[in-house]
């Protein structure tokens, strides 16, 4: 895990993830596939944090759990798009992709744990 991802505040961590994804997308070659996959990646990575923020402002426990589930789903989707992007064999891009994939998986696990704990309390 990079220093940038060593955050304890999940709002900050999801923001950093989305920002790092945007930096990554700027590096990839602009093929038709990468442009389309990059757009989807940017959307899903931003949605991870946006839904987490919404969860923190939720009106009910049910709404909170739903928003956290969406955050987990968007982290999983981000991982999917990251895998589809063509790095063109560039080692720097591949390294960044691996770090982002790892972070998306860690976020999925964190959100999964929050869901399990929250549903146990309902």
PDB file of N, CA and C in Angstrom:
ATOM      1  N   UNK A   1       0.851  -1.182   0.000  1.00  0.00           N
ATOM      2  CA  UNK A   1       0.000   0.000   0.000  1.00  0.00           C
ATOM      3  C   UNK A   1       0.895   1.242   0.000  1.00  0.00           C
ATOM      4  N   UNK A   2       0.556   2.206  -0.822  1.00  0.00           N
ATOM      5  CA  UNK A   2       1.355   3.421  -0.887  1.00  0.00           C
ATOM      6  C   UNK A   2       1.039   4.311   0.310  1.00  0.00           C
ATOM      7  N   UNK A   3       1.920   5.244   0.540  1.00  0.00           N
ATOM      8  CA  UNK A   3       1.709   6.195   1.637  1.00  0.00           C
ATOM      9  C   UNK A   3       0.397   6.953   1.454  1.00  0.00           C
ATOM     10  N   UNK A   4       0.040   7.231   0.199  1.00  0.00           N
ATOM     11  CA  UNK A   4      -1.166   8.004  -0.067  1.00  0.00           C
ATOM     12  C   UNK A   4      -2.414   7.279   0.429  1.00  0.00           C
ATOM     13  N   UNK A   5      -2.376   5.942   0.451  1.00  0.00           N
ATOM     14  CA  UNK A   5      -3.546   5.182   0.862  1.00  0.00           C
ATOM     15  C   UNK A   5      -3.544   4.864   2.350  1.00  0.00           C
ATOM     16  N   UNK A   6      -2.518   5.220   3.086  1.00  0.00           N
ATOM     17  CA  UNK A   6      -2.480   4.934   4.519  1.00  0.00           C
ATOM     18  C   UNK A   6      -3.270   6.005   5.265  1.00  0.00           C
ATOM     19  N   UNK A   7      -4.577   5.927   5.108  1.00  0.00           N
ATOM     20  CA  UNK A   7      -5.476   6.889   5.732  1.00  0.00           C
ATOM     21  C   UNK A   7      -6.390   6.163   6.694  1.00  0.00           C
ATOM     22  N   UNK A   8      -6.731   6.834   7.771  1.00  0.00           N
ATOM     23  CA  UNK A   8      -7.638   6.237   8.729  1.00  0.00           C
ATOM     24  C   UNK A   8      -9.058   6.740   8.527  1.00  0.00           C
ATOM     25  N   UNK A   9      -9.220   7.911   7.945  1.00  0.00           N
ATOM     26  CA  UNK A   9     -10.528   8.471   7.669  1.00  0.00           C
ATOM     27  C   UNK A   9     -10.981   7.929   6.319  1.00  0.00           C
ATOM     28  N   UNK A  10     -12.080   7.194   6.299  1.00  0.00           N
ATOM     29  CA  UNK A  10     -12.539   6.543   5.081  1.00  0.00           C
ATOM     30  C   UNK A  10     -12.996   7.552   4.027  1.00  0.00           C
ATOM     31  N   UNK A  11     -13.511   8.695   4.430  1.00  0.00           N
ATOM     32  CA  UNK A  11     -13.872   9.725   3.448  1.00  0.00           C
ATOM     33  C   UNK A  11     -12.614  10.197   2.727  1.00  0.00           C
ATOM     34  N   UNK A  12     -11.541  10.426   3.474  1.00  0.00           N
ATOM     35  CA  UNK A  12     -10.280  10.833   2.854  1.00  0.00           C
ATOM     36  C   UNK A  12      -9.732   9.725   1.964  1.00  0.00           C
ATOM     37  N   UNK A  13      -9.798   8.518   2.449  1.00  0.00           N
ATOM     38  CA  UNK A  13      -9.247   7.384   1.706  1.00  0.00           C
ATOM     39  C   UNK A  13      -9.983   7.183   0.380  1.00  0.00           C
ATOM     40  N   UNK A  14     -11.297   7.294   0.387  1.00  0.00           N
ATOM     41  CA  UNK A  14     -12.053   7.126  -0.857  1.00  0.00           C
ATOM     42  C   UNK A  14     -11.806   8.300  -1.804  1.00  0.00           C
ATOM     43  N   UNK A  15     -11.620   9.490  -1.261  1.00  0.00           N
ATOM     44  CA  UNK A  15     -11.280  10.658  -2.082  1.00  0.00           C
ATOM     45  C   UNK A  15      -9.925  10.454  -2.746  1.00  0.00           C
ATOM     46  N   UNK A  16      -8.953   9.998  -1.981  1.00  0.00           N
ATOM     47  CA  UNK A  16      -7.617   9.766  -2.530  1.00  0.00           C
ATOM     48  C   UNK A  16      -7.662   8.691  -3.614  1.00  0.00           C
ATOM     49  N   UNK A  17      -8.459   7.641  -3.380  1.00  0.00           N
ATOM     50  CA  UNK A  17      -8.610   6.598  -4.388  1.00  0.00           C
ATOM     51  C   UNK A  17      -9.133   7.192  -5.696  1.00  0.00           C
ATOM     52  N   UNK A  18     -10.189   7.981  -5.625  1.00  0.00           N
ATOM     53  CA  UNK A  18     -10.770   8.587  -6.828  1.00  0.00           C
ATOM     54  C   UNK A  18      -9.768   9.522  -7.507  1.00  0.00           C
ATOM     55  N   UNK A  19      -9.044  10.285  -6.735  1.00  0.00           N
ATOM     56  CA  UNK A  19      -8.043  11.201  -7.299  1.00  0.00           C
ATOM     57  C   UNK A  19      -6.917  10.428  -7.980  1.00  0.00           C
ATOM     58  N   UNK A  20      -6.452   9.353  -7.332  1.00  0.00           N
ATOM     59  CA  UNK A  20      -5.390   8.520  -7.911  1.00  0.00           C
ATOM     60  C   UNK A  20      -5.861   7.849  -9.198  1.00  0.00           C
ATOM     61  N   UNK A  21      -7.120   7.444  -9.249  1.00  0.00           N
ATOM     62  CA  UNK A  21      -7.675   6.856 -10.471  1.00  0.00           C
ATOM     63  C   UNK A  21      -7.624   7.881 -11.593  1.00  0.00           C
ATOM     64  N   UNK A  22      -7.987   9.112 -11.309  1.00  0.00           N
ATOM     65  CA  UNK A  22      -7.963  10.150 -12.333  1.00  0.00           C
ATOM     66  C   UNK A  22      -6.546  10.382 -12.847  1.00  0.00           C
ATOM     67  N   UNK A  23      -5.569  10.361 -11.960  1.00  0.00           N
ATOM     68  CA  UNK A  23      -4.169  10.492 -12.381  1.00  0.00           C
ATOM     69  C   UNK A  23      -3.768   9.307 -13.259  1.00  0.00           C
ATOM     70  N   UNK A  24      -4.213   8.108 -12.889  1.00  0.00           N
ATOM     71  CA  UNK A  24      -3.925   6.904 -13.654  1.00  0.00           C
ATOM     72  C   UNK A  24      -4.524   7.001 -15.060  1.00  0.00           C
ATOM     73  N   UNK A  25      -5.773   7.433 -15.154  1.00  0.00           N
ATOM     74  CA  UNK A  25      -6.455   7.521 -16.446  1.00  0.00           C
ATOM     75  C   UNK A  25      -5.741   8.505 -17.370  1.00  0.00           C
ATOM     76  N   UNK A  26      -5.172   9.562 -16.819  1.00  0.00           N
ATOM     77  CA  UNK A  26      -4.423  10.518 -17.643  1.00  0.00           C
ATOM     78  C   UNK A  26      -3.181   9.880 -18.257  1.00  0.00           C
ATOM     79  N   UNK A  27      -2.654   8.826 -17.612  1.00  0.00           N
ATOM     80  CA  UNK A  27      -1.417   8.188 -18.098  1.00  0.00           C
ATOM     81  C   UNK A  27      -1.637   7.172 -19.208  1.00  0.00           C
ATOM     82  N   UNK A  28      -2.826   6.568 -19.264  1.00  0.00           N
ATOM     83  CA  UNK A  28      -3.040   5.478 -20.215  1.00  0.00           C
ATOM     84  C   UNK A  28      -3.175   6.008 -21.646  1.00  0.00           C
ATOM     85  N   UNK A  29      -2.855   5.142 -22.614  1.00  0.00           N
ATOM     86  CA  UNK A  29      -2.970   5.539 -24.016  1.00  0.00           C
ATOM     87  C   UNK A  29      -4.441   5.763 -24.357  1.00  0.00           C
ATOM     88  N   UNK A  30      -4.672   6.639 -25.297  1.00  0.00           N
ATOM     89  CA  UNK A  30      -6.033   7.054 -25.628  1.00  0.00           C
ATOM     90  C   UNK A  30      -6.606   6.218 -26.778  1.00  0.00           C
ATOM     91  N   UNK A  31      -6.657   4.912 -26.577  1.00  0.00           N
ATOM     92  CA  UNK A  31      -7.332   4.043 -27.540  1.00  0.00           C
ATOM     93  C   UNK A  31      -8.831   4.146 -27.296  1.00  0.00           C
ATOM     94  N   UNK A  32      -9.624   3.682 -28.260  1.00  0.00           N
ATOM     95  CA  UNK A  32     -11.079   3.732 -28.102  1.00  0.00           C
ATOM     96  C   UNK A  32     -11.494   2.977 -26.842  1.00  0.00           C
ATOM     97  N   UNK A  33     -10.941   1.774 -26.636  1.00  0.00           N
ATOM     98  CA  UNK A  33     -11.281   0.980 -25.456  1.00  0.00           C
ATOM     99  C   UNK A  33     -10.893   1.663 -24.168  1.00  0.00           C
ATOM    100  N   UNK A  34      -9.690   2.213 -24.122  1.00  0.00           N
ATOM    101  CA  UNK A  34      -9.230   2.884 -22.898  1.00  0.00           C
ATOM    102  C   UNK A  34     -10.039   4.144 -22.593  1.00  0.00           C
ATOM    103  N   UNK A  35     -10.447   4.840 -23.622  1.00  0.00           N
ATOM    104  CA  UNK A  35     -11.259   6.044 -23.386  1.00  0.00           C
ATOM    105  C   UNK A  35     -12.586   5.650 -22.739  1.00  0.00           C
ATOM    106  N   UNK A  36     -13.237   4.642 -23.313  1.00  0.00           N
ATOM    107  CA  UNK A  36     -14.531   4.205 -22.775  1.00  0.00           C
ATOM    108  C   UNK A  36     -14.378   3.570 -21.388  1.00  0.00           C
ATOM    109  N   UNK A  37     -13.394   2.681 -21.232  1.00  0.00           N
ATOM    110  CA  UNK A  37     -13.165   2.041 -19.930  1.00  0.00           C
ATOM    111  C   UNK A  37     -12.727   3.074 -18.894  1.00  0.00           C
ATOM    112  N   UNK A  38     -11.923   4.045 -19.326  1.00  0.00           N
ATOM    113  CA  UNK A  38     -11.467   5.106 -18.424  1.00  0.00           C
ATOM    114  C   UNK A  38     -12.620   5.949 -17.908  1.00  0.00           C
ATOM    115  N   UNK A  39     -13.587   6.246 -18.788  1.00  0.00           N
ATOM    116  CA  UNK A  39     -14.769   7.008 -18.359  1.00  0.00           C
ATOM    117  C   UNK A  39     -15.536   6.249 -17.280  1.00  0.00           C
ATOM    118  N   UNK A  40     -15.739   4.957 -17.518  1.00  0.00           N
ATOM    119  CA  UNK A  40     -16.455   4.136 -16.543  1.00  0.00           C
ATOM    120  C   UNK A  40     -15.683   4.056 -15.233  1.00  0.00           C
ATOM    121  N   UNK A  41     -14.367   3.924 -15.331  1.00  0.00           N
ATOM    122  CA  UNK A  41     -13.508   3.845 -14.150  1.00  0.00           C
ATOM    123  C   UNK A  41     -13.575   5.132 -13.330  1.00  0.00           C
ATOM    124  N   UNK A  42     -13.518   6.253 -14.006  1.00  0.00           N
ATOM    125  CA  UNK A  42     -13.596   7.541 -13.307  1.00  0.00           C
ATOM    126  C   UNK A  42     -14.938   7.661 -12.580  1.00  0.00           C
ATOM    127  N   UNK A  43     -16.020   7.285 -13.256  1.00  0.00           N
ATOM    128  CA  UNK A  43     -17.350   7.376 -12.628  1.00  0.00           C
ATOM    129  C   UNK A  43     -17.459   6.481 -11.402  1.00  0.00           C
ATOM    130  N   UNK A  44     -17.070   5.210 -11.560  1.00  0.00           N
ATOM    131  CA  UNK A  44     -17.247   4.272 -10.445  1.00  0.00           C
ATOM    132  C   UNK A  44     -16.331   4.616  -9.276  1.00  0.00           C
ATOM    133  N   UNK A  45     -15.113   5.052  -9.560  1.00  0.00           N
ATOM    134  CA  UNK A  45     -14.188   5.383  -8.463  1.00  0.00           C
ATOM    135  C   UNK A  45     -14.677   6.584  -7.666  1.00  0.00           C
ATOM    136  N   UNK A  46     -15.263   7.560  -8.336  1.00  0.00           N
ATOM    137  CA  UNK A  46     -15.822   8.714  -7.634  1.00  0.00           C
ATOM    138  C   UNK A  46     -17.063   8.361  -6.843  1.00  0.00           C
ATOM    139  N   UNK A  47     -17.824   7.414  -7.362  1.00  0.00           N
ATOM    140  CA  UNK A  47     -19.060   6.993  -6.705  1.00  0.00           C
ATOM    141  C   UNK A  47     -18.804   6.257  -5.389  1.00  0.00           C
ATOM    142  N   UNK A  48     -17.637   5.627  -5.276  1.00  0.00           N
ATOM    143  CA  UNK A  48     -17.290   4.937  -4.019  1.00  0.00           C
ATOM    144  C   UNK A  48     -17.377   5.926  -2.859  1.00  0.00           C
ATOM    145  N   UNK A  49     -16.652   7.020  -2.969  1.00  0.00           N
ATOM    146  CA  UNK A  49     -16.615   8.013  -1.898  1.00  0.00           C
ATOM    147  C   UNK A  49     -17.891   8.819  -1.774  1.00  0.00           C
ATOM    148  N   UNK A  50     -18.507   9.137  -2.912  1.00  0.00           N
ATOM    149  CA  UNK A  50     -19.742   9.929  -2.873  1.00  0.00           C
ATOM    150  C   UNK A  50     -20.830   9.180  -2.110  1.00  0.00           C
ATOM    151  N   UNK A  51     -20.938   7.881  -2.346  1.00  0.00           N
ATOM    152  CA  UNK A  51     -21.953   7.105  -1.631  1.00  0.00           C
ATOM    153  C   UNK A  51     -21.586   6.900  -0.174  1.00  0.00           C
ATOM    154  N   UNK A  52     -20.301   6.836   0.130  1.00  0.00           N
ATOM    155  CA  UNK A  52     -19.885   6.743   1.532  1.00  0.00           C
ATOM    156  C   UNK A  52     -20.265   8.024   2.280  1.00  0.00           C
ATOM    157  N   UNK A  53     -20.053   9.158   1.643  1.00  0.00           N
ATOM    158  CA  UNK A  53     -20.445  10.435   2.253  1.00  0.00           C
ATOM    159  C   UNK A  53     -21.956  10.466   2.470  1.00  0.00           C
ATOM    160  N   UNK A  54     -22.711  10.002   1.466  1.00  0.00           N
ATOM    161  CA  UNK A  54     -24.168   9.926   1.598  1.00  0.00           C
ATOM    162  C   UNK A  54     -24.564   9.008   2.751  1.00  0.00           C
ATOM    163  N   UNK A  55     -23.844   7.902   2.904  1.00  0.00           N
ATOM    164  CA  UNK A  55     -24.139   6.969   4.001  1.00  0.00           C
ATOM    165  C   UNK A  55     -23.971   7.662   5.349  1.00  0.00           C
ATOM    166  N   UNK A  56     -22.934   8.471   5.463  1.00  0.00           N
ATOM    167  CA  UNK A  56     -22.682   9.168   6.722  1.00  0.00           C
ATOM    168  C   UNK A  56     -23.739  10.226   7.028  1.00  0.00           C
ATOM    169  N   UNK A  57     -24.468  10.628   6.006  1.00  0.00           N
ATOM    170  CA  UNK A  57     -25.536  11.618   6.185  1.00  0.00           C
ATOM    171  C   UNK A  57     -26.916  10.975   6.098  1.00  0.00           C
ATOM    172  N   UNK A  58     -26.976   9.661   6.175  1.00  0.00           N
ATOM    173  CA  UNK A  58     -28.240   8.946   5.969  1.00  0.00           C
ATOM    174  C   UNK A  58     -29.243   9.243   7.082  1.00  0.00           C
ATOM    175  N   UNK A  59     -30.511   9.033   6.735  1.00  0.00           N
ATOM    176  CA  UNK A  59     -31.605   9.298   7.659  1.00  0.00           C
ATOM    177  C   UNK A  59     -31.975   8.089   8.504  1.00  0.00           C
ATOM    178  N   UNK A  60     -31.573   6.910   8.046  1.00  0.00           N
ATOM    179  CA  UNK A  60     -31.938   5.698   8.772  1.00  0.00           C
ATOM    180  C   UNK A  60     -30.828   4.668   8.629  1.00  0.00           C
ATOM    181  N   UNK A  61     -30.882   3.641   9.471  1.00  0.00           N
ATOM    182  CA  UNK A  61     -29.921   2.546   9.406  1.00  0.00           C
ATOM    183  C   UNK A  61     -30.040   1.814   8.068  1.00  0.00           C
ATOM    184  N   UNK A  62     -31.282   1.645   7.595  1.00  0.00           N
ATOM    185  CA  UNK A  62     -31.530   0.969   6.322  1.00  0.00           C
ATOM    186  C   UNK A  62     -30.887   1.754   5.171  1.00  0.00           C
ATOM    187  N   UNK A  63     -31.043   3.063   5.177  1.00  0.00           N
ATOM    188  CA  UNK A  63     -30.443   3.918   4.158  1.00  0.00           C
ATOM    189  C   UNK A  63     -28.920   3.851   4.244  1.00  0.00           C
ATOM    190  N   UNK A  64     -28.386   3.866   5.455  1.00  0.00           N
ATOM    191  CA  UNK A  64     -26.941   3.762   5.662  1.00  0.00           C
ATOM    192  C   UNK A  64     -26.401   2.480   5.034  1.00  0.00           C
ATOM    193  N   UNK A  65     -27.041   1.357   5.337  1.00  0.00           N
ATOM    194  CA  UNK A  65     -26.590   0.065   4.821  1.00  0.00           C
ATOM    195  C   UNK A  65     -26.672   0.041   3.297  1.00  0.00           C
ATOM    196  N   UNK A  66     -27.746   0.585   2.738  1.00  0.00           N
ATOM    197  CA  UNK A  66     -27.894   0.612   1.280  1.00  0.00           C
ATOM    198  C   UNK A  66     -26.762   1.406   0.626  1.00  0.00           C
ATOM    199  N   UNK A  67     -26.437   2.555   1.187  1.00  0.00           N
ATOM    200  CA  UNK A  67     -25.366   3.403   0.620  1.00  0.00           C
ATOM    201  C   UNK A  67     -24.004   2.716   0.744  1.00  0.00           C
ATOM    202  N   UNK A  68     -23.767   2.037   1.846  1.00  0.00           N
ATOM    203  CA  UNK A  68     -22.500   1.310   2.013  1.00  0.00           C
ATOM    204  C   UNK A  68     -22.426   0.165   1.004  1.00  0.00           C
ATOM    205  N   UNK A  69     -23.548  -0.495   0.770  1.00  0.00           N
ATOM    206  CA  UNK A  69     -23.581  -1.560  -0.241  1.00  0.00           C
ATOM    207  C   UNK A  69     -23.270  -0.998  -1.627  1.00  0.00           C
ATOM    208  N   UNK A  70     -23.769   0.187  -1.915  1.00  0.00           N
ATOM    209  CA  UNK A  70     -23.475   0.825  -3.205  1.00  0.00           C
ATOM    210  C   UNK A  70     -21.985   1.166  -3.278  1.00  0.00           C
ATOM    211  N   UNK A  71     -21.410   1.661  -2.182  1.00  0.00           N
ATOM    212  CA  UNK A  71     -19.979   1.958  -2.167  1.00  0.00           C
ATOM    213  C   UNK A  71     -19.167   0.699  -2.449  1.00  0.00           C
ATOM    214  N   UNK A  72     -19.565  -0.406  -1.825  1.00  0.00           N
ATOM    215  CA  UNK A  72     -18.861  -1.672  -2.056  1.00  0.00           C
ATOM    216  C   UNK A  72     -19.005  -2.095  -3.521  1.00  0.00           C
ATOM    217  N   UNK A  73     -20.206  -1.974  -4.066  1.00  0.00           N
ATOM    218  CA  UNK A  73     -20.460  -2.328  -5.465  1.00  0.00           C
ATOM    219  C   UNK A  73     -19.614  -1.474  -6.405  1.00  0.00           C
ATOM    220  N   UNK A  74     -19.504  -0.190  -6.122  1.00  0.00           N
ATOM    221  CA  UNK A  74     -18.724   0.712  -6.973  1.00  0.00           C
ATOM    222  C   UNK A  74     -17.224   0.429  -6.868  1.00  0.00           C
ATOM    223  N   UNK A  75     -16.762   0.025  -5.694  1.00  0.00           N
ATOM    224  CA  UNK A  75     -15.354  -0.361  -5.542  1.00  0.00           C
ATOM    225  C   UNK A  75     -15.071  -1.615  -6.373  1.00  0.00           C
ATOM    226  N   UNK A  76     -16.025  -2.544  -6.350  1.00  0.00           N
ATOM    227  CA  UNK A  76     -15.891  -3.773  -7.148  1.00  0.00           C
ATOM    228  C   UNK A  76     -15.906  -3.437  -8.636  1.00  0.00           C
ATOM    229  N   UNK A  77     -16.779  -2.545  -9.040  1.00  0.00           N
ATOM    230  CA  UNK A  77     -16.839  -2.126 -10.438  1.00  0.00           C
ATOM    231  C   UNK A  77     -15.542  -1.426 -10.850  1.00  0.00           C
ATOM    232  N   UNK A  78     -15.004  -0.597  -9.975  1.00  0.00           N
ATOM    233  CA  UNK A  78     -13.735   0.078 -10.270  1.00  0.00           C
ATOM    234  C   UNK A  78     -12.637  -0.943 -10.528  1.00  0.00           C
ATOM    235  N   UNK A  79     -12.614  -1.991  -9.721  1.00  0.00           N
ATOM    236  CA  UNK A  79     -11.629  -3.054  -9.896  1.00  0.00           C
ATOM    237  C   UNK A  79     -11.777  -3.690 -11.280  1.00  0.00           C
ATOM    238  N   UNK A  80     -12.998  -3.921 -11.692  1.00  0.00           N
ATOM    239  CA  UNK A  80     -13.281  -4.499 -13.006  1.00  0.00           C
ATOM    240  C   UNK A  80     -12.727  -3.622 -14.128  1.00  0.00           C
ATOM    241  N   UNK A  81     -13.034  -2.322 -14.083  1.00  0.00           N
ATOM    242  CA  UNK A  81     -12.567  -1.421 -15.132  1.00  0.00           C
ATOM    243  C   UNK A  81     -11.052  -1.297 -15.115  1.00  0.00           C
ATOM    244  N   UNK A  82     -10.457  -1.304 -13.937  1.00  0.00           N
ATOM    245  CA  UNK A  82      -8.993  -1.259 -13.849  1.00  0.00           C
ATOM    246  C   UNK A  82      -8.368  -2.454 -14.568  1.00  0.00           C
ATOM    247  N   UNK A  83      -8.980  -3.621 -14.418  1.00  0.00           N
ATOM    248  CA  UNK A  83      -8.456  -4.819 -15.078  1.00  0.00           C
ATOM    249  C   UNK A  83      -8.594  -4.742 -16.602  1.00  0.00           C
ATOM    250  N   UNK A  84      -9.614  -4.044 -17.091  1.00  0.00           N
ATOM    251  CA  UNK A  84      -9.851  -3.955 -18.532  1.00  0.00           C
ATOM    252  C   UNK A  84      -8.951  -2.954 -19.252  1.00  0.00           C
ATOM    253  N   UNK A  85      -8.485  -1.944 -18.554  1.00  0.00           N
ATOM    254  CA  UNK A  85      -7.664  -0.914 -19.192  1.00  0.00           C
ATOM    255  C   UNK A  85      -6.385  -1.547 -19.750  1.00  0.00           C
ATOM    256  N   UNK A  86      -6.049  -1.156 -20.975  1.00  0.00           N
ATOM    257  CA  UNK A  86      -4.839  -1.650 -21.635  1.00  0.00           C
ATOM    258  C   UNK A  86      -3.659  -0.751 -21.270  1.00  0.00           C
ATOM    259  N   UNK A  87      -2.687  -1.342 -20.602  1.00  0.00           N
ATOM    260  CA  UNK A  87      -1.518  -0.570 -20.173  1.00  0.00           C
ATOM    261  C   UNK A  87      -0.495  -0.408 -21.287  1.00  0.00           C
ATOM    262  N   UNK A  88      -0.665  -1.137 -22.383  1.00  0.00           N
ATOM    263  CA  UNK A  88       0.296  -1.051 -23.480  1.00  0.00           C
ATOM    264  C   UNK A  88       1.664  -1.595 -23.107  1.00  0.00           C
ATOM    265  N   UNK A  89       1.726  -2.397 -22.045  1.00  0.00           N
ATOM    266  CA  UNK A  89       2.993  -2.974 -21.618  1.00  0.00           C
ATOM    267  C   UNK A  89       3.873  -2.029 -20.809  1.00  0.00           C
ATOM    268  N   UNK A  90       3.360  -0.857 -20.481  1.00  0.00           N
ATOM    269  CA  UNK A  90       4.132   0.128 -19.713  1.00  0.00           C
ATOM    270  C   UNK A  90       4.221  -0.316 -18.251  1.00  0.00           C
ATOM    271  N   UNK A  91       5.443  -0.479 -17.753  1.00  0.00           N
ATOM    272  CA  UNK A  91       5.643  -0.998 -16.383  1.00  0.00           C
ATOM    273  C   UNK A  91       5.139  -0.032 -15.322  1.00  0.00           C
ATOM    274  N   UNK A  92       5.293   1.258 -15.528  1.00  0.00           N
ATOM    275  CA  UNK A  92       4.814   2.260 -14.566  1.00  0.00           C
ATOM    276  C   UNK A  92       3.285   2.200 -14.465  1.00  0.00           C
ATOM    277  N   UNK A  93       2.640   2.122 -15.619  1.00  0.00           N
ATOM    278  CA  UNK A  93       1.170   2.057 -15.629  1.00  0.00           C
ATOM    279  C   UNK A  93       0.701   0.760 -14.978  1.00  0.00           C
ATOM    280  N   UNK A  94       1.386  -0.347 -15.269  1.00  0.00           N
ATOM    281  CA  UNK A  94       1.023  -1.634 -14.661  1.00  0.00           C
ATOM    282  C   UNK A  94       1.178  -1.585 -13.142  1.00  0.00           C
ATOM    283  N   UNK A  95       2.237  -0.956 -12.660  1.00  0.00           N
ATOM    284  CA  UNK A  95       2.457  -0.836 -11.211  1.00  0.00           C
ATOM    285  C   UNK A  95       1.346  -0.018 -10.566  1.00  0.00           C
ATOM    286  N   UNK A  96       0.988   1.094 -11.197  1.00  0.00           N
ATOM    287  CA  UNK A  96      -0.094   1.937 -10.669  1.00  0.00           C
ATOM    288  C   UNK A  96      -1.417   1.182 -10.685  1.00  0.00           C
ATOM    289  N   UNK A  97      -1.662   0.424 -11.751  1.00  0.00           N
ATOM    290  CA  UNK A  97      -2.894  -0.340 -11.838  1.00  0.00           C
ATOM    291  C   UNK A  97      -2.977  -1.361 -10.704  1.00  0.00           C
ATOM    292  N   UNK A  98      -1.879  -2.061 -10.443  1.00  0.00           N
ATOM    293  CA  UNK A  98      -1.861  -3.066  -9.372  1.00  0.00           C
ATOM    294  C   UNK A  98      -2.150  -2.432  -8.019  1.00  0.00           C
ATOM    295  N   UNK A  99      -1.578  -1.264  -7.769  1.00  0.00           N
ATOM    296  CA  UNK A  99      -1.821  -0.573  -6.496  1.00  0.00           C
ATOM    297  C   UNK A  99      -3.281  -0.142  -6.373  1.00  0.00           C
ATOM    298  N   UNK A 100      -3.846   0.343  -7.474  1.00  0.00           N
ATOM    299  CA  UNK A 100      -5.257   0.757  -7.453  1.00  0.00           C
ATOM    300  C   UNK A 100      -6.176  -0.446  -7.310  1.00  0.00           C
ATOM    301  N   UNK A 101      -5.845  -1.550  -7.969  1.00  0.00           N
ATOM    302  CA  UNK A 101      -6.641  -2.775  -7.818  1.00  0.00           C
ATOM    303  C   UNK A 101      -6.618  -3.240  -6.366  1.00  0.00           C
ATOM    304  N   UNK A 102      -5.441  -3.199  -5.763  1.00  0.00           N
ATOM    305  CA  UNK A 102      -5.315  -3.612  -4.364  1.00  0.00           C
ATOM    306  C   UNK A 102      -6.169  -2.712  -3.466  1.00  0.00           C
ATOM    307  N   UNK A 103      -6.117  -1.424  -3.727  1.00  0.00           N
ATOM    308  CA  UNK A 103      -6.897  -0.490  -2.914  1.00  0.00           C
ATOM    309  C   UNK A 103      -8.395  -0.718  -3.105  1.00  0.00           C
ATOM    310  N   UNK A 104      -8.827  -0.968  -4.336  1.00  0.00           N
ATOM    311  CA  UNK A 104     -10.253  -1.214  -4.558  1.00  0.00           C
ATOM    312  C   UNK A 104     -10.702  -2.471  -3.815  1.00  0.00           C
ATOM    313  N   UNK A 105      -9.865  -3.495  -3.796  1.00  0.00           N
ATOM    314  CA  UNK A 105     -10.202  -4.716  -3.049  1.00  0.00           C
ATOM    315  C   UNK A 105     -10.242  -4.461  -1.547  1.00  0.00           C
ATOM    316  N   UNK A 106      -9.307  -3.668  -1.043  1.00  0.00           N
ATOM    317  CA  UNK A 106      -9.310  -3.326   0.381  1.00  0.00           C
ATOM    318  C   UNK A 106     -10.560  -2.529   0.744  1.00  0.00           C
ATOM    319  N   UNK A 107     -10.953  -1.603  -0.114  1.00  0.00           N
ATOM    320  CA  UNK A 107     -12.174  -0.834   0.142  1.00  0.00           C
ATOM    321  C   UNK A 107     -13.391  -1.748   0.147  1.00  0.00           C
ATOM    322  N   UNK A 108     -13.442  -2.710  -0.779  1.00  0.00           N
ATOM    323  CA  UNK A 108     -14.543  -3.674  -0.796  1.00  0.00           C
ATOM    324  C   UNK A 108     -14.620  -4.435   0.523  1.00  0.00           C
ATOM    325  N   UNK A 109     -13.481  -4.846   1.031  1.00  0.00           N
ATOM    326  CA  UNK A 109     -13.442  -5.595   2.293  1.00  0.00           C
ATOM    327  C   UNK A 109     -13.883  -4.724   3.464  1.00  0.00           C
ATOM    328  N   UNK A 110     -13.438  -3.489   3.472  1.00  0.00           N
ATOM    329  CA  UNK A 110     -13.827  -2.563   4.545  1.00  0.00           C
ATOM    330  C   UNK A 110     -15.337  -2.350   4.525  1.00  0.00           C
ATOM    331  N   UNK A 111     -15.882  -2.068   3.341  1.00  0.00           N
ATOM    332  CA  UNK A 111     -17.326  -1.853   3.241  1.00  0.00           C
ATOM    333  C   UNK A 111     -18.090  -3.123   3.582  1.00  0.00           C
ATOM    334  N   UNK A 112     -17.562  -4.267   3.198  1.00  0.00           N
ATOM    335  CA  UNK A 112     -18.195  -5.541   3.549  1.00  0.00           C
ATOM    336  C   UNK A 112     -18.269  -5.730   5.051  1.00  0.00           C
ATOM    337  N   UNK A 113     -17.185  -5.378   5.745  1.00  0.00           N
ATOM    338  CA  UNK A 113     -17.164  -5.497   7.206  1.00  0.00           C
ATOM    339  C   UNK A 113     -18.163  -4.531   7.845  1.00  0.00           C
ATOM    340  N   UNK A 114     -18.249  -3.315   7.309  1.00  0.00           N
ATOM    341  CA  UNK A 114     -19.212  -2.340   7.829  1.00  0.00           C
ATOM    342  C   UNK A 114     -20.638  -2.870   7.647  1.00  0.00           C
ATOM    343  N   UNK A 115     -20.904  -3.455   6.494  1.00  0.00           N
ATOM    344  CA  UNK A 115     -22.242  -3.999   6.219  1.00  0.00           C
ATOM    345  C   UNK A 115     -22.569  -5.113   7.208  1.00  0.00           C
ATOM    346  N   UNK A 116     -21.643  -6.053   7.383  1.00  0.00           N
ATOM    347  CA  UNK A 116     -21.882  -7.167   8.304  1.00  0.00           C
ATOM    348  C   UNK A 116     -22.155  -6.678   9.715  1.00  0.00           C
ATOM    349  N   UNK A 117     -21.368  -5.743  10.189  1.00  0.00           N
ATOM    350  CA  UNK A 117     -21.551  -5.214  11.544  1.00  0.00           C
ATOM    351  C   UNK A 117     -22.864  -4.439  11.655  1.00  0.00           C
ATOM    352  N   UNK A 118     -23.193  -3.688  10.633  1.00  0.00           N
ATOM    353  CA  UNK A 118     -24.423  -2.881  10.657  1.00  0.00           C
ATOM    354  C   UNK A 118     -25.655  -3.760  10.583  1.00  0.00           C
ATOM    355  N   UNK A 119     -25.625  -4.780   9.749  1.00  0.00           N
ATOM    356  CA  UNK A 119     -26.782  -5.663   9.621  1.00  0.00           C
ATOM    357  C   UNK A 119     -26.981  -6.509  10.879  1.00  0.00           C
ATOM    358  N   UNK A 120     -25.899  -6.794  11.567  1.00  0.00           N
ATOM    359  CA  UNK A 120     -26.005  -7.565  12.815  1.00  0.00           C
ATOM    360  C   UNK A 120     -26.714  -6.758  13.901  1.00  0.00           C
ATOM    361  N   UNK A 121     -26.635  -5.433  13.805  1.00  0.00           N
ATOM    362  CA  UNK A 121     -27.241  -4.554  14.807  1.00  0.00           C
ATOM    363  C   UNK A 121     -28.699  -4.218  14.497  1.00  0.00           C
ATOM    364  N   UNK A 122     -29.147  -4.551  13.283  1.00  0.00           N
ATOM    365  CA  UNK A 122     -30.528  -4.199  12.891  1.00  0.00           C
ATOM    366  C   UNK A 122     -31.526  -5.158  13.487  1.00  0.00           C
TER     367      UNK A 122
END
